Protein backbone atom coordinates (compact mmCIF):
# COMPACT_ATOMS: atom_id res chain seq x y z
CA UNK A 1 -24.36 -0.41 -230.05
CA UNK A 2 -25.05 -3.90 -229.01
CA UNK A 3 -23.31 -7.32 -229.06
CA UNK A 4 -21.69 -8.08 -232.33
CA UNK A 5 -21.84 -4.52 -233.66
CA UNK A 6 -20.06 -3.25 -230.58
CA UNK A 7 -17.32 -6.02 -230.91
CA UNK A 8 -16.93 -5.12 -234.63
CA UNK A 9 -16.61 -1.40 -233.94
CA UNK A 10 -13.97 -2.06 -231.19
CA UNK A 11 -12.11 -4.38 -233.57
CA UNK A 12 -12.17 -1.60 -236.24
CA UNK A 13 -10.87 0.91 -233.57
CA UNK A 14 -7.95 -1.51 -232.81
CA UNK A 15 -7.20 -2.08 -236.42
CA UNK A 16 -7.14 1.56 -237.40
CA UNK A 17 -5.17 2.59 -234.26
CA UNK A 18 -6.99 5.81 -234.07
CA UNK A 19 -8.22 7.30 -230.81
CA UNK A 20 -11.99 6.59 -230.47
CA UNK A 21 -14.37 9.39 -229.88
CA UNK A 22 -16.51 7.51 -227.32
CA UNK A 23 -14.98 7.75 -223.86
CA UNK A 24 -16.20 4.18 -223.12
CA UNK A 25 -14.32 2.91 -226.23
CA UNK A 26 -11.21 4.89 -225.15
CA UNK A 27 -11.33 3.22 -221.79
CA UNK A 28 -11.76 -0.19 -223.45
CA UNK A 29 -8.81 0.40 -225.86
CA UNK A 30 -6.63 1.56 -222.95
CA UNK A 31 -7.40 -1.63 -221.01
CA UNK A 32 -6.51 -3.85 -224.04
CA UNK A 33 -3.28 -1.95 -224.56
CA UNK A 34 -2.39 -2.33 -221.01
CA UNK A 35 -3.03 -6.02 -221.10
CA UNK A 36 -0.89 -6.34 -224.23
CA UNK A 37 2.00 -4.52 -222.49
CA UNK A 38 1.77 -6.81 -219.47
CA UNK A 39 1.70 -9.90 -221.71
CA UNK A 40 4.71 -8.66 -223.75
CA UNK A 41 6.85 -8.03 -220.57
CA UNK A 42 6.11 -11.44 -218.95
CA UNK A 43 8.73 -13.29 -220.99
CA UNK A 44 11.41 -10.67 -220.24
CA UNK A 45 10.75 -10.94 -216.54
CA UNK A 46 10.98 -14.69 -216.72
CA UNK A 47 14.20 -14.51 -218.68
CA UNK A 48 15.67 -12.04 -216.25
CA UNK A 49 14.71 -14.22 -213.30
CA UNK A 50 16.30 -17.24 -214.99
CA UNK A 51 19.55 -15.35 -215.72
CA UNK A 52 19.78 -14.24 -212.01
CA UNK A 53 19.20 -17.84 -210.93
CA UNK A 54 21.91 -19.07 -213.23
CA UNK A 55 24.27 -16.35 -212.05
CA UNK A 56 23.72 -17.31 -208.40
CA UNK A 57 24.33 -20.89 -209.20
CA UNK A 58 27.46 -20.23 -211.19
CA UNK A 59 28.79 -18.15 -208.29
CA UNK A 60 28.11 -21.06 -205.94
CA UNK A 61 29.96 -23.46 -208.29
CA UNK A 62 32.87 -20.92 -208.44
CA UNK A 63 33.05 -20.87 -204.62
CA UNK A 64 32.66 -24.54 -204.25
CA UNK A 65 35.70 -25.21 -206.43
CA UNK A 66 37.77 -22.73 -204.49
CA UNK A 67 37.61 -19.84 -206.85
CA UNK A 68 40.39 -19.06 -209.24
CA UNK A 69 40.17 -17.47 -212.61
CA UNK A 70 39.81 -18.77 -216.07
CA UNK A 71 36.81 -21.13 -215.64
CA UNK A 72 33.94 -18.55 -215.52
CA UNK A 73 32.48 -19.85 -218.84
CA UNK A 74 32.64 -23.46 -217.65
CA UNK A 75 30.93 -22.46 -214.36
CA UNK A 76 28.20 -20.56 -216.20
CA UNK A 77 27.50 -23.36 -218.61
CA UNK A 78 27.27 -25.86 -215.78
CA UNK A 79 24.96 -23.62 -213.82
CA UNK A 80 22.86 -23.06 -216.91
CA UNK A 81 22.51 -26.75 -217.60
CA UNK A 82 21.49 -27.39 -213.95
CA UNK A 83 18.94 -24.58 -213.80
CA UNK A 84 17.46 -25.50 -217.10
CA UNK A 85 17.23 -29.24 -216.36
CA UNK A 86 15.66 -28.41 -212.96
CA UNK A 87 13.11 -26.04 -214.56
CA UNK A 88 12.22 -28.52 -217.30
CA UNK A 89 11.37 -31.03 -214.57
CA UNK A 90 9.32 -28.46 -212.72
CA UNK A 91 11.86 -28.19 -209.89
CA UNK A 92 14.00 -25.75 -208.17
CA UNK A 93 17.77 -26.42 -208.34
CA UNK A 94 18.34 -24.78 -204.90
CA UNK A 95 15.70 -26.86 -203.18
CA UNK A 96 17.07 -30.08 -204.91
CA UNK A 97 20.60 -29.22 -203.85
CA UNK A 98 19.51 -28.86 -200.17
CA UNK A 99 17.55 -32.12 -200.31
CA UNK A 100 20.42 -34.01 -201.91
CA UNK A 101 23.38 -32.49 -200.10
CA UNK A 102 21.98 -31.02 -196.96
């Protein structure tokens, strides 16, 4: 198969979700599926990294105010706002904190 016919054949293989008979097609399908899995996991990794960043900042806020119970949600929301604002501006809240406060 050449050019367009090969692309059409592979598109059919993906649509039908059946294992192709040709080993080269199996390898191609395997590569495409692996790419899709990696792409699907990227947002989860980013979300997880952001949650960790927020948690670290919330803990810093907790320590800076001397600890104490009952303000965990307030600390989290403040940390979340700082981290999201910093990320939306392409920055890093930790680096900005060090630059501003030493």
